């Protein structure tokens, strides 16, 4: 019989009986950036008591779509204008005679 080294039968049991050892815990974490109007309407349905398995961080932005569009447009305008493509002469294919 092959040696198991430091592994004990109790160590193996958790893999043999995976539904029993150990009990699974669920933890949900979330970060959301949403429009303030959505937060205001959805808070009406939020649970009144905290649940330790869940963590939700909500960042509310007033007028999210308009704010996003304004930031995106400002970033686009801040970029340097693209230079028009220049025509580069094709490389010469002449072979020097010796």
C-alpha atoms as a PDB file:
ATOM      1  CA  UNK A   1       0.000   0.000   0.000  1.00  0.00           C
ATOM      2  CA  UNK A   2       1.294   3.462  -0.923  1.00  0.00           C
ATOM      3  CA  UNK A   3       2.046   5.890   1.892  1.00  0.00           C
ATOM      4  CA  UNK A   4      -0.294   8.877   2.211  1.00  0.00           C
ATOM      5  CA  UNK A   5       2.378  10.960   3.955  1.00  0.00           C
ATOM      6  CA  UNK A   6       0.800  13.509   6.310  1.00  0.00           C
ATOM      7  CA  UNK A   7      -2.702  12.951   4.911  1.00  0.00           C
ATOM      8  CA  UNK A   8      -5.120  11.379   7.363  1.00  0.00           C
ATOM      9  CA  UNK A   9      -8.387   9.607   6.553  1.00  0.00           C
ATOM     10  CA  UNK A  10     -10.216  12.535   8.185  1.00  0.00           C
ATOM     11  CA  UNK A  11      -8.630  14.843   5.604  1.00  0.00           C
ATOM     12  CA  UNK A  12      -9.870  12.649   2.784  1.00  0.00           C
ATOM     13  CA  UNK A  13     -13.386  12.452   4.210  1.00  0.00           C
ATOM     14  CA  UNK A  14     -14.105  16.071   3.275  1.00  0.00           C
ATOM     15  CA  UNK A  15     -13.479  15.201  -0.391  1.00  0.00           C
ATOM     16  CA  UNK A  16     -15.191  11.828  -0.301  1.00  0.00           C
ATOM     17  CA  UNK A  17     -18.320  13.287   1.329  1.00  0.00           C
ATOM     18  CA  UNK A  18     -18.263  16.739  -0.246  1.00  0.00           C
ATOM     19  CA  UNK A  19     -21.888  17.479   0.571  1.00  0.00           C
ATOM     20  CA  UNK A  20     -21.235  17.031   4.303  1.00  0.00           C
ATOM     21  CA  UNK A  21     -17.765  18.542   4.885  1.00  0.00           C
ATOM     22  CA  UNK A  22     -17.694  21.557   5.334  1.00  0.00           C
ATOM     23  CA  UNK A  23     -20.988  23.357   5.069  1.00  0.00           C
ATOM     24  CA  UNK A  24     -20.857  25.850   2.241  1.00  0.00           C
ATOM     25  CA  UNK A  25     -21.300  29.515   2.964  1.00  0.00           C
ATOM     26  CA  UNK A  26     -22.547  32.020   0.449  1.00  0.00           C
ATOM     27  CA  UNK A  27     -21.343  35.586   0.362  1.00  0.00           C
ATOM     28  CA  UNK A  28     -22.456  38.015  -2.280  1.00  0.00           C
ATOM     29  CA  UNK A  29     -20.629  41.286  -2.935  1.00  0.00           C
ATOM     30  CA  UNK A  30     -21.727  43.923  -5.419  1.00  0.00           C
ATOM     31  CA  UNK A  31     -20.825  47.458  -6.478  1.00  0.00           C
ATOM     32  CA  UNK A  32     -23.324  49.234  -8.704  1.00  0.00           C
ATOM     33  CA  UNK A  33     -23.289  52.646 -10.346  1.00  0.00           C
ATOM     34  CA  UNK A  34     -26.871  53.604 -11.109  1.00  0.00           C
ATOM     35  CA  UNK A  35     -29.009  56.624 -11.825  1.00  0.00           C
ATOM     36  CA  UNK A  36     -30.309  58.346  -8.683  1.00  0.00           C
ATOM     37  CA  UNK A  37     -33.894  58.051  -9.912  1.00  0.00           C
ATOM     38  CA  UNK A  38     -33.566  54.252  -9.995  1.00  0.00           C
ATOM     39  CA  UNK A  39     -32.135  54.170  -6.474  1.00  0.00           C
ATOM     40  CA  UNK A  40     -34.992  56.305  -5.186  1.00  0.00           C
ATOM     41  CA  UNK A  41     -37.627  53.998  -6.674  1.00  0.00           C
ATOM     42  CA  UNK A  42     -35.876  50.723  -5.728  1.00  0.00           C
ATOM     43  CA  UNK A  43     -35.178  51.651  -2.104  1.00  0.00           C
ATOM     44  CA  UNK A  44     -38.897  51.212  -1.467  1.00  0.00           C
ATOM     45  CA  UNK A  45     -38.371  47.451  -2.015  1.00  0.00           C
ATOM     46  CA  UNK A  46     -35.134  47.103  -0.017  1.00  0.00           C
ATOM     47  CA  UNK A  47     -35.157  44.753   2.968  1.00  0.00           C
ATOM     48  CA  UNK A  48     -35.486  46.489   6.336  1.00  0.00           C
ATOM     49  CA  UNK A  49     -32.942  44.230   8.085  1.00  0.00           C
ATOM     50  CA  UNK A  50     -29.331  43.707   6.995  1.00  0.00           C
ATOM     51  CA  UNK A  51     -28.331  40.233   5.803  1.00  0.00           C
ATOM     52  CA  UNK A  52     -24.693  39.333   6.592  1.00  0.00           C
ATOM     53  CA  UNK A  53     -24.298  37.218   3.427  1.00  0.00           C
ATOM     54  CA  UNK A  54     -24.940  40.221   1.184  1.00  0.00           C
ATOM     55  CA  UNK A  55     -22.981  43.423   0.716  1.00  0.00           C
ATOM     56  CA  UNK A  56     -24.168  45.959  -1.828  1.00  0.00           C
ATOM     57  CA  UNK A  57     -22.397  49.245  -2.426  1.00  0.00           C
ATOM     58  CA  UNK A  58     -24.500  51.601  -4.519  1.00  0.00           C
ATOM     59  CA  UNK A  59     -23.075  54.735  -6.088  1.00  0.00           C
ATOM     60  CA  UNK A  60     -25.920  56.908  -7.299  1.00  0.00           C
ATOM     61  CA  UNK A  61     -25.303  59.543  -9.935  1.00  0.00           C
ATOM     62  CA  UNK A  62     -27.942  62.186 -10.702  1.00  0.00           C
ATOM     63  CA  UNK A  63     -28.894  62.129 -14.390  1.00  0.00           C
ATOM     64  CA  UNK A  64     -26.491  59.226 -15.062  1.00  0.00           C
ATOM     65  CA  UNK A  65     -27.045  58.998 -18.829  1.00  0.00           C
ATOM     66  CA  UNK A  66     -26.596  62.720 -19.385  1.00  0.00           C
ATOM     67  CA  UNK A  67     -23.566  62.810 -17.069  1.00  0.00           C
ATOM     68  CA  UNK A  68     -21.977  59.832 -18.841  1.00  0.00           C
ATOM     69  CA  UNK A  69     -22.628  61.366 -22.269  1.00  0.00           C
ATOM     70  CA  UNK A  70     -21.182  64.730 -21.197  1.00  0.00           C
ATOM     71  CA  UNK A  71     -18.025  63.114 -19.789  1.00  0.00           C
ATOM     72  CA  UNK A  72     -17.619  60.913 -22.874  1.00  0.00           C
ATOM     73  CA  UNK A  73     -18.045  63.893 -25.235  1.00  0.00           C
ATOM     74  CA  UNK A  74     -15.588  66.012 -23.213  1.00  0.00           C
ATOM     75  CA  UNK A  75     -13.023  63.198 -23.292  1.00  0.00           C
ATOM     76  CA  UNK A  76     -13.462  62.805 -27.033  1.00  0.00           C
ATOM     77  CA  UNK A  77     -12.990  66.558 -27.591  1.00  0.00           C
ATOM     78  CA  UNK A  78      -9.849  66.537 -25.423  1.00  0.00           C
ATOM     79  CA  UNK A  79      -8.142  64.020 -27.716  1.00  0.00           C
ATOM     80  CA  UNK A  80      -5.848  65.447 -30.404  1.00  0.00           C
ATOM     81  CA  UNK A  81      -7.347  65.486 -33.856  1.00  0.00           C
ATOM     82  CA  UNK A  82      -6.238  62.594 -36.017  1.00  0.00           C
ATOM     83  CA  UNK A  83      -3.856  63.577 -38.769  1.00  0.00           C
ATOM     84  CA  UNK A  84      -5.036  62.793 -42.285  1.00  0.00           C
ATOM     85  CA  UNK A  85      -3.196  59.890 -43.858  1.00  0.00           C
ATOM     86  CA  UNK A  86      -0.180  60.976 -45.855  1.00  0.00           C
ATOM     87  CA  UNK A  87       0.765  59.416 -49.128  1.00  0.00           C
ATOM     88  CA  UNK A  88       4.121  57.761 -48.805  1.00  0.00           C
ATOM     89  CA  UNK A  89       5.931  56.854 -51.983  1.00  0.00           C
ATOM     90  CA  UNK A  90       6.303  53.152 -52.524  1.00  0.00           C
ATOM     91  CA  UNK A  91       9.798  51.839 -51.776  1.00  0.00           C
ATOM     92  CA  UNK A  92      12.069  51.565 -54.739  1.00  0.00           C
ATOM     93  CA  UNK A  93      12.488  48.057 -56.117  1.00  0.00           C
ATOM     94  CA  UNK A  94      15.576  48.816 -58.096  1.00  0.00           C
ATOM     95  CA  UNK A  95      18.418  46.391 -57.634  1.00  0.00           C
ATOM     96  CA  UNK A  96      21.872  47.929 -57.585  1.00  0.00           C
ATOM     97  CA  UNK A  97      24.078  46.529 -60.276  1.00  0.00           C
ATOM     98  CA  UNK A  98      27.577  45.548 -59.299  1.00  0.00           C
END
